[in-house]
Amino acid sequence: MVSIPFIINLGLQEVLGEGTSIQLNIAQTILQVFIIVILPVGLGMILKYKSPSFALKMEKPVKKASGIFFVIVLVAILIKERALLITNIQEAGLVTLTLNIITMSIGYI
């Protein structure tokens, strides 16, 4: 949670160069990661510990809801960034696809 903003800032600096003025707001990024990842996972773990039967009963609806939420967010991002999408795919699509295939293959093996 804490290292992600630092890694992204380092990556931006390496890719874009030293003179680049793009900086990721570290505190804001940590808060976003906390709200999006840590808080829901933590609440789920507490709920499962306190009430395992309720957590088991809610597992299927929560999986469906999270899948629907993911699709909604993905579609919203695609709509918002549609102008950049084609350019970005042309610039980094093949490299990104190759990286994903290699890392998923390594994980599978």
PDB file of N, CA and C in Angstrom:
ATOM      1  N   MET A   1       0.826  -1.184   0.000  1.00  0.00           N
ATOM      2  CA  MET A   1       0.000   0.000   0.000  1.00  0.00           C
ATOM      3  C   MET A   1       0.876   1.255   0.000  1.00  0.00           C
ATOM      4  N   VAL A   2       1.923   1.237   0.744  1.00  0.00           N
ATOM      5  CA  VAL A   2       2.778   2.415   0.850  1.00  0.00           C
ATOM      6  C   VAL A   2       3.789   2.466  -0.293  1.00  0.00           C
ATOM      7  N   SER A   3       4.243   1.321  -0.762  1.00  0.00           N
ATOM      8  CA  SER A   3       5.297   1.316  -1.777  1.00  0.00           C
ATOM      9  C   SER A   3       4.801   1.646  -3.183  1.00  0.00           C
ATOM     10  N   ILE A   4       3.526   1.419  -3.472  1.00  0.00           N
ATOM     11  CA  ILE A   4       3.008   1.625  -4.828  1.00  0.00           C
ATOM     12  C   ILE A   4       3.257   3.047  -5.343  1.00  0.00           C
ATOM     13  N   PRO A   5       2.918   4.100  -4.593  1.00  0.00           N
ATOM     14  CA  PRO A   5       3.165   5.457  -5.122  1.00  0.00           C
ATOM     15  C   PRO A   5       4.639   5.737  -5.386  1.00  0.00           C
ATOM     16  N   PHE A   6       5.516   5.206  -4.536  1.00  0.00           N
ATOM     17  CA  PHE A   6       6.949   5.427  -4.733  1.00  0.00           C
ATOM     18  C   PHE A   6       7.440   4.713  -5.989  1.00  0.00           C
ATOM     19  N   ILE A   7       6.959   3.500  -6.199  1.00  0.00           N
ATOM     20  CA  ILE A   7       7.353   2.737  -7.389  1.00  0.00           C
ATOM     21  C   ILE A   7       6.840   3.430  -8.649  1.00  0.00           C
ATOM     22  N   ILE A   8       5.613   3.921  -8.610  1.00  0.00           N
ATOM     23  CA  ILE A   8       5.056   4.618  -9.780  1.00  0.00           C
ATOM     24  C   ILE A   8       5.823   5.904 -10.056  1.00  0.00           C
ATOM     25  N   ASN A   9       6.134   6.672  -9.021  1.00  0.00           N
ATOM     26  CA  ASN A   9       6.922   7.894  -9.219  1.00  0.00           C
ATOM     27  C   ASN A   9       8.293   7.579  -9.803  1.00  0.00           C
ATOM     28  N   LEU A  10       8.923   6.522  -9.319  1.00  0.00           N
ATOM     29  CA  LEU A  10      10.222   6.114  -9.845  1.00  0.00           C
ATOM     30  C   LEU A  10      10.099   5.706 -11.313  1.00  0.00           C
ATOM     31  N   GLY A  11       9.054   4.944 -11.627  1.00  0.00           N
ATOM     32  CA  GLY A  11       8.820   4.529 -13.007  1.00  0.00           C
ATOM     33  C   GLY A  11       8.563   5.710 -13.924  1.00  0.00           C
ATOM     34  N   LEU A  12       7.754   6.672 -13.459  1.00  0.00           N
ATOM     35  CA  LEU A  12       7.497   7.873 -14.255  1.00  0.00           C
ATOM     36  C   LEU A  12       8.788   8.636 -14.515  1.00  0.00           C
ATOM     37  N   GLN A  13       9.610   8.740 -13.488  1.00  0.00           N
ATOM     38  CA  GLN A  13      10.874   9.454 -13.625  1.00  0.00           C
ATOM     39  C   GLN A  13      11.800   8.745 -14.611  1.00  0.00           C
ATOM     40  N   GLU A  14      11.845   7.413 -14.550  1.00  0.00           N
ATOM     41  CA  GLU A  14      12.707   6.645 -15.443  1.00  0.00           C
ATOM     42  C   GLU A  14      12.210   6.690 -16.886  1.00  0.00           C
ATOM     43  N   VAL A  15      10.915   6.565 -17.076  1.00  0.00           N
ATOM     44  CA  VAL A  15      10.350   6.510 -18.426  1.00  0.00           C
ATOM     45  C   VAL A  15      10.288   7.889 -19.065  1.00  0.00           C
ATOM     46  N   LEU A  16       9.860   8.876 -18.298  1.00  0.00           N
ATOM     47  CA  LEU A  16       9.646  10.205 -18.864  1.00  0.00           C
ATOM     48  C   LEU A  16      10.849  11.126 -18.742  1.00  0.00           C
ATOM     49  N   GLY A  17      11.796  10.776 -17.899  1.00  0.00           N
ATOM     50  CA  GLY A  17      12.996  11.589 -17.754  1.00  0.00           C
ATOM     51  C   GLY A  17      12.982  12.450 -16.512  1.00  0.00           C
ATOM     52  N   GLU A  18      14.155  12.936 -16.168  1.00  0.00           N
ATOM     53  CA  GLU A  18      14.342  13.716 -14.936  1.00  0.00           C
ATOM     54  C   GLU A  18      13.576  15.039 -14.948  1.00  0.00           C
ATOM     55  N   GLY A  19      13.467  15.685 -16.101  1.00  0.00           N
ATOM     56  CA  GLY A  19      12.839  17.001 -16.179  1.00  0.00           C
ATOM     57  C   GLY A  19      11.324  16.980 -16.184  1.00  0.00           C
ATOM     58  N   THR A  20      10.719  15.820 -16.026  1.00  0.00           N
ATOM     59  CA  THR A  20       9.270  15.707 -16.070  1.00  0.00           C
ATOM     60  C   THR A  20       8.658  16.206 -14.775  1.00  0.00           C
ATOM     61  N   SER A  21       7.567  16.943 -14.900  1.00  0.00           N
ATOM     62  CA  SER A  21       6.935  17.509 -13.721  1.00  0.00           C
ATOM     63  C   SER A  21       5.760  16.679 -13.216  1.00  0.00           C
ATOM     64  N   ILE A  22       5.511  15.508 -13.798  1.00  0.00           N
ATOM     65  CA  ILE A  22       4.425  14.650 -13.338  1.00  0.00           C
ATOM     66  C   ILE A  22       4.867  13.966 -12.051  1.00  0.00           C
ATOM     67  N   GLN A  23       4.120  14.178 -10.997  1.00  0.00           N
ATOM     68  CA  GLN A  23       4.386  13.522  -9.725  1.00  0.00           C
ATOM     69  C   GLN A  23       3.074  12.977  -9.190  1.00  0.00           C
ATOM     70  N   LEU A  24       3.107  11.764  -8.716  1.00  0.00           N
ATOM     71  CA  LEU A  24       1.948  11.125  -8.127  1.00  0.00           C
ATOM     72  C   LEU A  24       1.822  11.599  -6.686  1.00  0.00           C
ATOM     73  N   ASN A  25       0.627  12.020  -6.288  1.00  0.00           N
ATOM     74  CA  ASN A  25       0.381  12.442  -4.920  1.00  0.00           C
ATOM     75  C   ASN A  25       0.419  11.198  -4.026  1.00  0.00           C
ATOM     76  N   ILE A  26       1.465  11.079  -3.236  1.00  0.00           N
ATOM     77  CA  ILE A  26       1.694   9.867  -2.451  1.00  0.00           C
ATOM     78  C   ILE A  26       0.592   9.640  -1.426  1.00  0.00           C
ATOM     79  N   ALA A  27       0.234  10.656  -0.666  1.00  0.00           N
ATOM     80  CA  ALA A  27      -0.794  10.499   0.365  1.00  0.00           C
ATOM     81  C   ALA A  27      -2.139  10.124  -0.260  1.00  0.00           C
ATOM     82  N   GLN A  28      -2.494  10.778  -1.352  1.00  0.00           N
ATOM     83  CA  GLN A  28      -3.760  10.486  -2.025  1.00  0.00           C
ATOM     84  C   GLN A  28      -3.767   9.058  -2.580  1.00  0.00           C
ATOM     85  N   THR A  29      -2.659   8.619  -3.147  1.00  0.00           N
ATOM     86  CA  THR A  29      -2.580   7.276  -3.704  1.00  0.00           C
ATOM     87  C   THR A  29      -2.680   6.216  -2.601  1.00  0.00           C
ATOM     88  N   ILE A  30      -2.008   6.446  -1.486  1.00  0.00           N
ATOM     89  CA  ILE A  30      -2.097   5.513  -0.356  1.00  0.00           C
ATOM     90  C   ILE A  30      -3.549   5.435   0.127  1.00  0.00           C
ATOM     91  N   LEU A  31      -4.222   6.566   0.236  1.00  0.00           N
ATOM     92  CA  LEU A  31      -5.623   6.592   0.660  1.00  0.00           C
ATOM     93  C   LEU A  31      -6.508   5.836  -0.329  1.00  0.00           C
ATOM     94  N   GLN A  32      -6.291   6.042  -1.628  1.00  0.00           N
ATOM     95  CA  GLN A  32      -7.088   5.346  -2.636  1.00  0.00           C
ATOM     96  C   GLN A  32      -6.872   3.839  -2.574  1.00  0.00           C
ATOM     97  N   VAL A  33      -5.622   3.406  -2.426  1.00  0.00           N
ATOM     98  CA  VAL A  33      -5.340   1.971  -2.316  1.00  0.00           C
ATOM     99  C   VAL A  33      -6.004   1.415  -1.063  1.00  0.00           C
ATOM    100  N   PHE A  34      -5.957   2.163   0.017  1.00  0.00           N
ATOM    101  CA  PHE A  34      -6.592   1.725   1.259  1.00  0.00           C
ATOM    102  C   PHE A  34      -8.092   1.546   1.064  1.00  0.00           C
ATOM    103  N   ILE A  35      -8.739   2.541   0.466  1.00  0.00           N
ATOM    104  CA  ILE A  35     -10.197   2.505   0.293  1.00  0.00           C
ATOM    105  C   ILE A  35     -10.614   1.426  -0.701  1.00  0.00           C
ATOM    106  N   ILE A  36      -9.859   1.270  -1.774  1.00  0.00           N
ATOM    107  CA  ILE A  36     -10.257   0.348  -2.835  1.00  0.00           C
ATOM    108  C   ILE A  36      -9.883  -1.100  -2.518  1.00  0.00           C
ATOM    109  N   VAL A  37      -8.756  -1.313  -1.838  1.00  0.00           N
ATOM    110  CA  VAL A  37      -8.276  -2.681  -1.633  1.00  0.00           C
ATOM    111  C   VAL A  37      -8.310  -3.095  -0.158  1.00  0.00           C
ATOM    112  N   ILE A  38      -7.587  -2.375   0.672  1.00  0.00           N
ATOM    113  CA  ILE A  38      -7.370  -2.806   2.058  1.00  0.00           C
ATOM    114  C   ILE A  38      -8.659  -2.810   2.865  1.00  0.00           C
ATOM    115  N   LEU A  39      -9.456  -1.766   2.771  1.00  0.00           N
ATOM    116  CA  LEU A  39     -10.684  -1.666   3.552  1.00  0.00           C
ATOM    117  C   LEU A  39     -11.671  -2.793   3.229  1.00  0.00           C
ATOM    118  N   PRO A  40     -12.023  -3.019   1.958  1.00  0.00           N
ATOM    119  CA  PRO A  40     -12.964  -4.114   1.679  1.00  0.00           C
ATOM    120  C   PRO A  40     -12.431  -5.495   2.068  1.00  0.00           C
ATOM    121  N   VAL A  41     -11.154  -5.733   1.804  1.00  0.00           N
ATOM    122  CA  VAL A  41     -10.574  -7.038   2.165  1.00  0.00           C
ATOM    123  C   VAL A  41     -10.562  -7.192   3.688  1.00  0.00           C
ATOM    124  N   GLY A  42     -10.166  -6.154   4.384  1.00  0.00           N
ATOM    125  CA  GLY A  42     -10.143  -6.206   5.847  1.00  0.00           C
ATOM    126  C   GLY A  42     -11.530  -6.424   6.434  1.00  0.00           C
ATOM    127  N   LEU A  43     -12.520  -5.704   5.900  1.00  0.00           N
ATOM    128  CA  LEU A  43     -13.891  -5.884   6.389  1.00  0.00           C
ATOM    129  C   LEU A  43     -14.390  -7.300   6.106  1.00  0.00           C
ATOM    130  N   GLY A  44     -14.046  -7.819   4.932  1.00  0.00           N
ATOM    131  CA  GLY A  44     -14.435  -9.189   4.605  1.00  0.00           C
ATOM    132  C   GLY A  44     -13.803 -10.203   5.534  1.00  0.00           C
ATOM    133  N   MET A  45     -12.543  -9.997   5.871  1.00  0.00           N
ATOM    134  CA  MET A  45     -11.859 -10.914   6.785  1.00  0.00           C
ATOM    135  C   MET A  45     -12.474 -10.850   8.184  1.00  0.00           C
ATOM    136  N   ILE A  46     -12.780  -9.647   8.641  1.00  0.00           N
ATOM    137  CA  ILE A  46     -13.406  -9.494   9.962  1.00  0.00           C
ATOM    138  C   ILE A  46     -14.782 -10.148   9.972  1.00  0.00           C
ATOM    139  N   LEU A  47     -15.567  -9.910   8.901  1.00  0.00           N
ATOM    140  CA  LEU A  47     -16.898 -10.494   8.801  1.00  0.00           C
ATOM    141  C   LEU A  47     -16.828 -12.018   8.799  1.00  0.00           C
ATOM    142  N   LYS A  48     -15.878 -12.566   8.049  1.00  0.00           N
ATOM    143  CA  LYS A  48     -15.750 -14.023   7.990  1.00  0.00           C
ATOM    144  C   LYS A  48     -15.323 -14.591   9.338  1.00  0.00           C
ATOM    145  N   TYR A  49     -14.506 -13.853  10.069  1.00  0.00           N
ATOM    146  CA  TYR A  49     -14.070 -14.300  11.394  1.00  0.00           C
ATOM    147  C   TYR A  49     -15.218 -14.246  12.397  1.00  0.00           C
ATOM    148  N   LYS A  50     -15.983 -13.151  12.368  1.00  0.00           N
ATOM    149  CA  LYS A  50     -17.066 -12.943  13.342  1.00  0.00           C
ATOM    150  C   LYS A  50     -18.309 -13.775  13.028  1.00  0.00           C
ATOM    151  N   SER A  51     -18.618 -13.916  11.724  1.00  0.00           N
ATOM    152  CA  SER A  51     -19.834 -14.621  11.335  1.00  0.00           C
ATOM    153  C   SER A  51     -19.587 -15.465  10.088  1.00  0.00           C
ATOM    154  N   PRO A  52     -18.940 -16.620  10.266  1.00  0.00           N
ATOM    155  CA  PRO A  52     -18.594 -17.435   9.103  1.00  0.00           C
ATOM    156  C   PRO A  52     -19.801 -17.895   8.290  1.00  0.00           C
ATOM    157  N   SER A  53     -20.914 -18.183   8.951  1.00  0.00           N
ATOM    158  CA  SER A  53     -22.092 -18.658   8.213  1.00  0.00           C
ATOM    159  C   SER A  53     -22.656 -17.550   7.317  1.00  0.00           C
ATOM    160  N   PHE A  54     -22.713 -16.325   7.821  1.00  0.00           N
ATOM    161  CA  PHE A  54     -23.196 -15.204   7.018  1.00  0.00           C
ATOM    162  C   PHE A  54     -22.236 -14.921   5.864  1.00  0.00           C
ATOM    163  N   ALA A  55     -20.943 -14.980   6.139  1.00  0.00           N
ATOM    164  CA  ALA A  55     -19.945 -14.734   5.101  1.00  0.00           C
ATOM    165  C   ALA A  55     -20.047 -15.782   3.995  1.00  0.00           C
ATOM    166  N   LEU A  56     -20.265 -17.024   4.362  1.00  0.00           N
ATOM    167  CA  LEU A  56     -20.406 -18.090   3.378  1.00  0.00           C
ATOM    168  C   LEU A  56     -21.669 -17.885   2.540  1.00  0.00           C
ATOM    169  N   LYS A  57     -22.743 -17.456   3.203  1.00  0.00           N
ATOM    170  CA  LYS A  57     -24.003 -17.204   2.496  1.00  0.00           C
ATOM    171  C   LYS A  57     -23.878 -16.023   1.535  1.00  0.00           C
ATOM    172  N   MET A  58     -23.070 -15.036   1.876  1.00  0.00           N
ATOM    173  CA  MET A  58     -22.929 -13.831   1.052  1.00  0.00           C
ATOM    174  C   MET A  58     -21.843 -13.956  -0.018  1.00  0.00           C
ATOM    175  N   GLU A  59     -21.092 -15.045  -0.012  1.00  0.00           N
ATOM    176  CA  GLU A  59     -19.967 -15.187  -0.939  1.00  0.00           C
ATOM    177  C   GLU A  59     -20.408 -15.092  -2.402  1.00  0.00           C
ATOM    178  N   LYS A  60     -21.444 -15.809  -2.792  1.00  0.00           N
ATOM    179  CA  LYS A  60     -21.887 -15.816  -4.186  1.00  0.00           C
ATOM    180  C   LYS A  60     -22.440 -14.449  -4.624  1.00  0.00           C
ATOM    181  N   PRO A  61     -23.328 -13.807  -3.851  1.00  0.00           N
ATOM    182  CA  PRO A  61     -23.814 -12.481  -4.279  1.00  0.00           C
ATOM    183  C   PRO A  61     -22.711 -11.424  -4.344  1.00  0.00           C
ATOM    184  N   VAL A  62     -21.755 -11.495  -3.431  1.00  0.00           N
ATOM    185  CA  VAL A  62     -20.669 -10.513  -3.438  1.00  0.00           C
ATOM    186  C   VAL A  62     -19.763 -10.732  -4.650  1.00  0.00           C
ATOM    187  N   LYS A  63     -19.527 -11.985  -5.012  1.00  0.00           N
ATOM    188  CA  LYS A  63     -18.734 -12.265  -6.218  1.00  0.00           C
ATOM    189  C   LYS A  63     -19.425 -11.695  -7.453  1.00  0.00           C
ATOM    190  N   LYS A  64     -20.727 -11.895  -7.560  1.00  0.00           N
ATOM    191  CA  LYS A  64     -21.475 -11.365  -8.705  1.00  0.00           C
ATOM    192  C   LYS A  64     -21.438  -9.841  -8.710  1.00  0.00           C
ATOM    193  N   ALA A  65     -21.673  -9.231  -7.558  1.00  0.00           N
ATOM    194  CA  ALA A  65     -21.682  -7.767  -7.471  1.00  0.00           C
ATOM    195  C   ALA A  65     -20.320  -7.184  -7.808  1.00  0.00           C
ATOM    196  N   SER A  66     -19.247  -7.825  -7.345  1.00  0.00           N
ATOM    197  CA  SER A  66     -17.916  -7.300  -7.634  1.00  0.00           C
ATOM    198  C   SER A  66     -17.584  -7.456  -9.119  1.00  0.00           C
ATOM    199  N   GLY A  67     -18.043  -8.522  -9.740  1.00  0.00           N
ATOM    200  CA  GLY A  67     -17.851  -8.697 -11.184  1.00  0.00           C
ATOM    201  C   GLY A  67     -18.592  -7.635 -11.981  1.00  0.00           C
ATOM    202  N   ILE A  68     -19.829  -7.365 -11.582  1.00  0.00           N
ATOM    203  CA  ILE A  68     -20.619  -6.321 -12.249  1.00  0.00           C
ATOM    204  C   ILE A  68     -19.970  -4.952 -12.054  1.00  0.00           C
ATOM    205  N   PHE A  69     -19.519  -4.687 -10.840  1.00  0.00           N
ATOM    206  CA  PHE A  69     -18.861  -3.407 -10.550  1.00  0.00           C
ATOM    207  C   PHE A  69     -17.598  -3.254 -11.392  1.00  0.00           C
ATOM    208  N   PHE A  70     -16.823  -4.322 -11.520  1.00  0.00           N
ATOM    209  CA  PHE A  70     -15.606  -4.279 -12.333  1.00  0.00           C
ATOM    210  C   PHE A  70     -15.933  -3.941 -13.786  1.00  0.00           C
ATOM    211  N   VAL A  71     -16.950  -4.580 -14.334  1.00  0.00           N
ATOM    212  CA  VAL A  71     -17.342  -4.321 -15.730  1.00  0.00           C
ATOM    213  C   VAL A  71     -17.795  -2.877 -15.898  1.00  0.00           C
ATOM    214  N   ILE A  72     -18.554  -2.357 -14.948  1.00  0.00           N
ATOM    215  CA  ILE A  72     -19.018  -0.966 -15.017  1.00  0.00           C
ATOM    216  C   ILE A  72     -17.830  -0.003 -15.006  1.00  0.00           C
ATOM    217  N   VAL A  73     -16.883  -0.235 -14.112  1.00  0.00           N
ATOM    218  CA  VAL A  73     -15.702   0.632 -14.035  1.00  0.00           C
ATOM    219  C   VAL A  73     -14.888   0.531 -15.321  1.00  0.00           C
ATOM    220  N   LEU A  74     -14.703  -0.671 -15.826  1.00  0.00           N
ATOM    221  CA  LEU A  74     -13.952  -0.870 -17.061  1.00  0.00           C
ATOM    222  C   LEU A  74     -14.605  -0.150 -18.238  1.00  0.00           C
ATOM    223  N   VAL A  75     -15.908  -0.292 -18.392  1.00  0.00           N
ATOM    224  CA  VAL A  75     -16.625   0.383 -19.481  1.00  0.00           C
ATOM    225  C   VAL A  75     -16.531   1.897 -19.324  1.00  0.00           C
ATOM    226  N   ALA A  76     -16.668   2.400 -18.104  1.00  0.00           N
ATOM    227  CA  ALA A  76     -16.571   3.847 -17.873  1.00  0.00           C
ATOM    228  C   ALA A  76     -15.192   4.375 -18.252  1.00  0.00           C
ATOM    229  N   ILE A  77     -14.152   3.642 -17.899  1.00  0.00           N
ATOM    230  CA  ILE A  77     -12.786   4.065 -18.250  1.00  0.00           C
ATOM    231  C   ILE A  77     -12.594   4.031 -19.760  1.00  0.00           C
ATOM    232  N   LEU A  78     -13.082   2.988 -20.412  1.00  0.00           N
ATOM    233  CA  LEU A  78     -12.958   2.896 -21.871  1.00  0.00           C
ATOM    234  C   LEU A  78     -13.683   4.039 -22.568  1.00  0.00           C
ATOM    235  N   ILE A  79     -14.856   4.389 -22.074  1.00  0.00           N
ATOM    236  CA  ILE A  79     -15.605   5.505 -22.660  1.00  0.00           C
ATOM    237  C   ILE A  79     -14.869   6.819 -22.436  1.00  0.00           C
ATOM    238  N   LYS A  80     -14.389   7.032 -21.213  1.00  0.00           N
ATOM    239  CA  LYS A  80     -13.705   8.284 -20.880  1.00  0.00           C
ATOM    240  C   LYS A  80     -12.394   8.439 -21.648  1.00  0.00           C
ATOM    241  N   GLU A  81     -11.661   7.360 -21.821  1.00  0.00           N
ATOM    242  CA  GLU A  81     -10.341   7.419 -22.435  1.00  0.00           C
ATOM    243  C   GLU A  81     -10.325   6.898 -23.875  1.00  0.00           C
ATOM    244  N   ARG A  82     -11.464   6.864 -24.536  1.00  0.00           N
ATOM    245  CA  ARG A  82     -11.533   6.276 -25.873  1.00  0.00           C
ATOM    246  C   ARG A  82     -10.629   6.972 -26.885  1.00  0.00           C
ATOM    247  N   ALA A  83     -10.415   8.275 -26.719  1.00  0.00           N
ATOM    248  CA  ALA A  83      -9.554   9.001 -27.656  1.00  0.00           C
ATOM    249  C   ALA A  83      -8.095   8.530 -27.551  1.00  0.00           C
ATOM    250  N   LEU A  84      -7.654   8.255 -26.353  1.00  0.00           N
ATOM    251  CA  LEU A  84      -6.272   7.814 -26.145  1.00  0.00           C
ATOM    252  C   LEU A  84      -6.088   6.317 -26.353  1.00  0.00           C
ATOM    253  N   LEU A  85      -7.178   5.573 -26.325  1.00  0.00           N
ATOM    254  CA  LEU A  85      -7.102   4.122 -26.373  1.00  0.00           C
ATOM    255  C   LEU A  85      -6.401   3.614 -27.630  1.00  0.00           C
ATOM    256  N   ILE A  86      -6.793   4.106 -28.786  1.00  0.00           N
ATOM    257  CA  ILE A  86      -6.202   3.642 -30.041  1.00  0.00           C
ATOM    258  C   ILE A  86      -4.709   3.973 -30.084  1.00  0.00           C
ATOM    259  N   THR A  87      -4.360   5.190 -29.701  1.00  0.00           N
ATOM    260  CA  THR A  87      -2.952   5.599 -29.697  1.00  0.00           C
ATOM    261  C   THR A  87      -2.136   4.727 -28.750  1.00  0.00           C
ATOM    262  N   ASN A  88      -2.668   4.514 -27.560  1.00  0.00           N
ATOM    263  CA  ASN A  88      -1.945   3.715 -26.568  1.00  0.00           C
ATOM    264  C   ASN A  88      -1.798   2.262 -27.003  1.00  0.00           C
ATOM    265  N   ILE A  89      -2.823   1.714 -27.641  1.00  0.00           N
ATOM    266  CA  ILE A  89      -2.734   0.332 -28.115  1.00  0.00           C
ATOM    267  C   ILE A  89      -1.678   0.229 -29.207  1.00  0.00           C
ATOM    268  N   GLN A  90      -1.633   1.210 -30.084  1.00  0.00           N
ATOM    269  CA  GLN A  90      -0.625   1.200 -31.144  1.00  0.00           C
ATOM    270  C   GLN A  90       0.783   1.307 -30.579  1.00  0.00           C
ATOM    271  N   GLU A  91       0.953   2.103 -29.536  1.00  0.00           N
ATOM    272  CA  GLU A  91       2.279   2.317 -28.959  1.00  0.00           C
ATOM    273  C   GLU A  91       2.727   1.177 -28.061  1.00  0.00           C
ATOM    274  N   ALA A  92       1.835   0.655 -27.240  1.00  0.00           N
ATOM    275  CA  ALA A  92       2.262  -0.302 -26.217  1.00  0.00           C
ATOM    276  C   ALA A  92       1.464  -1.597 -26.200  1.00  0.00           C
ATOM    277  N   GLY A  93       0.550  -1.778 -27.117  1.00  0.00           N
ATOM    278  CA  GLY A  93      -0.327  -2.939 -27.100  1.00  0.00           C
ATOM    279  C   GLY A  93       0.404  -4.258 -27.203  1.00  0.00           C
ATOM    280  N   LEU A  94       1.298  -4.388 -28.178  1.00  0.00           N
ATOM    281  CA  LEU A  94       2.008  -5.645 -28.389  1.00  0.00           C
ATOM    282  C   LEU A  94       2.928  -5.969 -27.214  1.00  0.00           C
ATOM    283  N   VAL A  95       3.620  -4.961 -26.709  1.00  0.00           N
ATOM    284  CA  VAL A  95       4.517  -5.171 -25.565  1.00  0.00           C
ATOM    285  C   VAL A  95       3.711  -5.576 -24.333  1.00  0.00           C
ATOM    286  N   THR A  96       2.591  -4.916 -24.102  1.00  0.00           N
ATOM    287  CA  THR A  96       1.751  -5.225 -22.947  1.00  0.00           C
ATOM    288  C   THR A  96       1.180  -6.626 -23.047  1.00  0.00           C
ATOM    289  N   LEU A  97       0.685  -6.987 -24.219  1.00  0.00           N
ATOM    290  CA  LEU A  97       0.145  -8.326 -24.423  1.00  0.00           C
ATOM    291  C   LEU A  97       1.216  -9.387 -24.197  1.00  0.00           C
ATOM    292  N   THR A  98       2.397  -9.159 -24.736  1.00  0.00           N
ATOM    293  CA  THR A  98       3.503 -10.100 -24.559  1.00  0.00           C
ATOM    294  C   THR A  98       3.873 -10.244 -23.081  1.00  0.00           C
ATOM    295  N   LEU A  99       3.972  -9.126 -22.376  1.00  0.00           N
ATOM    296  CA  LEU A  99       4.293  -9.160 -20.949  1.00  0.00           C
ATOM    297  C   LEU A  99       3.238  -9.948 -20.172  1.00  0.00           C
ATOM    298  N   ASN A 100       1.977  -9.711 -20.464  1.00  0.00           N
ATOM    299  CA  ASN A 100       0.912 -10.430 -19.765  1.00  0.00           C
ATOM    300  C   ASN A 100       0.947 -11.926 -20.048  1.00  0.00           C
ATOM    301  N   ILE A 101       1.163 -12.301 -21.298  1.00  0.00           N
ATOM    302  CA  ILE A 101       1.225 -13.720 -21.645  1.00  0.00           C
ATOM    303  C   ILE A 101       2.402 -14.391 -20.946  1.00  0.00           C
ATOM    304  N   ILE A 102       3.549 -13.738 -20.949  1.00  0.00           N
ATOM    305  CA  ILE A 102       4.740 -14.317 -20.297  1.00  0.00           C
ATOM    306  C   ILE A 102       4.520 -14.458 -18.796  1.00  0.00           C
ATOM    307  N   THR A 103       4.018 -13.414 -18.144  1.00  0.00           N
ATOM    308  CA  THR A 103       3.855 -13.486 -16.684  1.00  0.00           C
ATOM    309  C   THR A 103       2.766 -14.478 -16.291  1.00  0.00           C
ATOM    310  N   MET A 104       1.687 -14.560 -17.074  1.00  0.00           N
ATOM    311  CA  MET A 104       0.661 -15.546 -16.763  1.00  0.00           C
ATOM    312  C   MET A 104       1.178 -16.961 -16.998  1.00  0.00           C
ATOM    313  N   SER A 105       1.996 -17.146 -18.015  1.00  0.00           N
ATOM    314  CA  SER A 105       2.581 -18.469 -18.272  1.00  0.00           C
ATOM    315  C   SER A 105       3.510 -18.876 -17.140  1.00  0.00           C
ATOM    316  N   ILE A 106       4.337 -17.942 -16.686  1.00  0.00           N
ATOM    317  CA  ILE A 106       5.238 -18.231 -15.561  1.00  0.00           C
ATOM    318  C   ILE A 106       4.421 -18.582 -14.309  1.00  0.00           C
ATOM    319  N   GLY A 107       3.369 -17.816 -14.069  1.00  0.00           N
ATOM    320  CA  GLY A 107       2.508 -18.102 -12.912  1.00  0.00           C
ATOM    321  C   GLY A 107       1.824 -19.456 -13.025  1.00  0.00           C
ATOM    322  N   TYR A 108       1.404 -19.817 -14.222  1.00  0.00           N
ATOM    323  CA  TYR A 108       0.762 -21.115 -14.431  1.00  0.00           C
ATOM    324  C   TYR A 108       1.737 -22.264 -14.203  1.00  0.00           C
ATOM    325  N   ILE A 109       2.950 -22.072 -14.735  1.00  0.00           N
ATOM    326  CA  ILE A 109       3.984 -23.121 -14.597  1.00  0.00           C
ATOM    327  C   ILE A 109       4.362 -23.263 -13.136  1.00  0.00           C
TER     328      ILE A 109
END
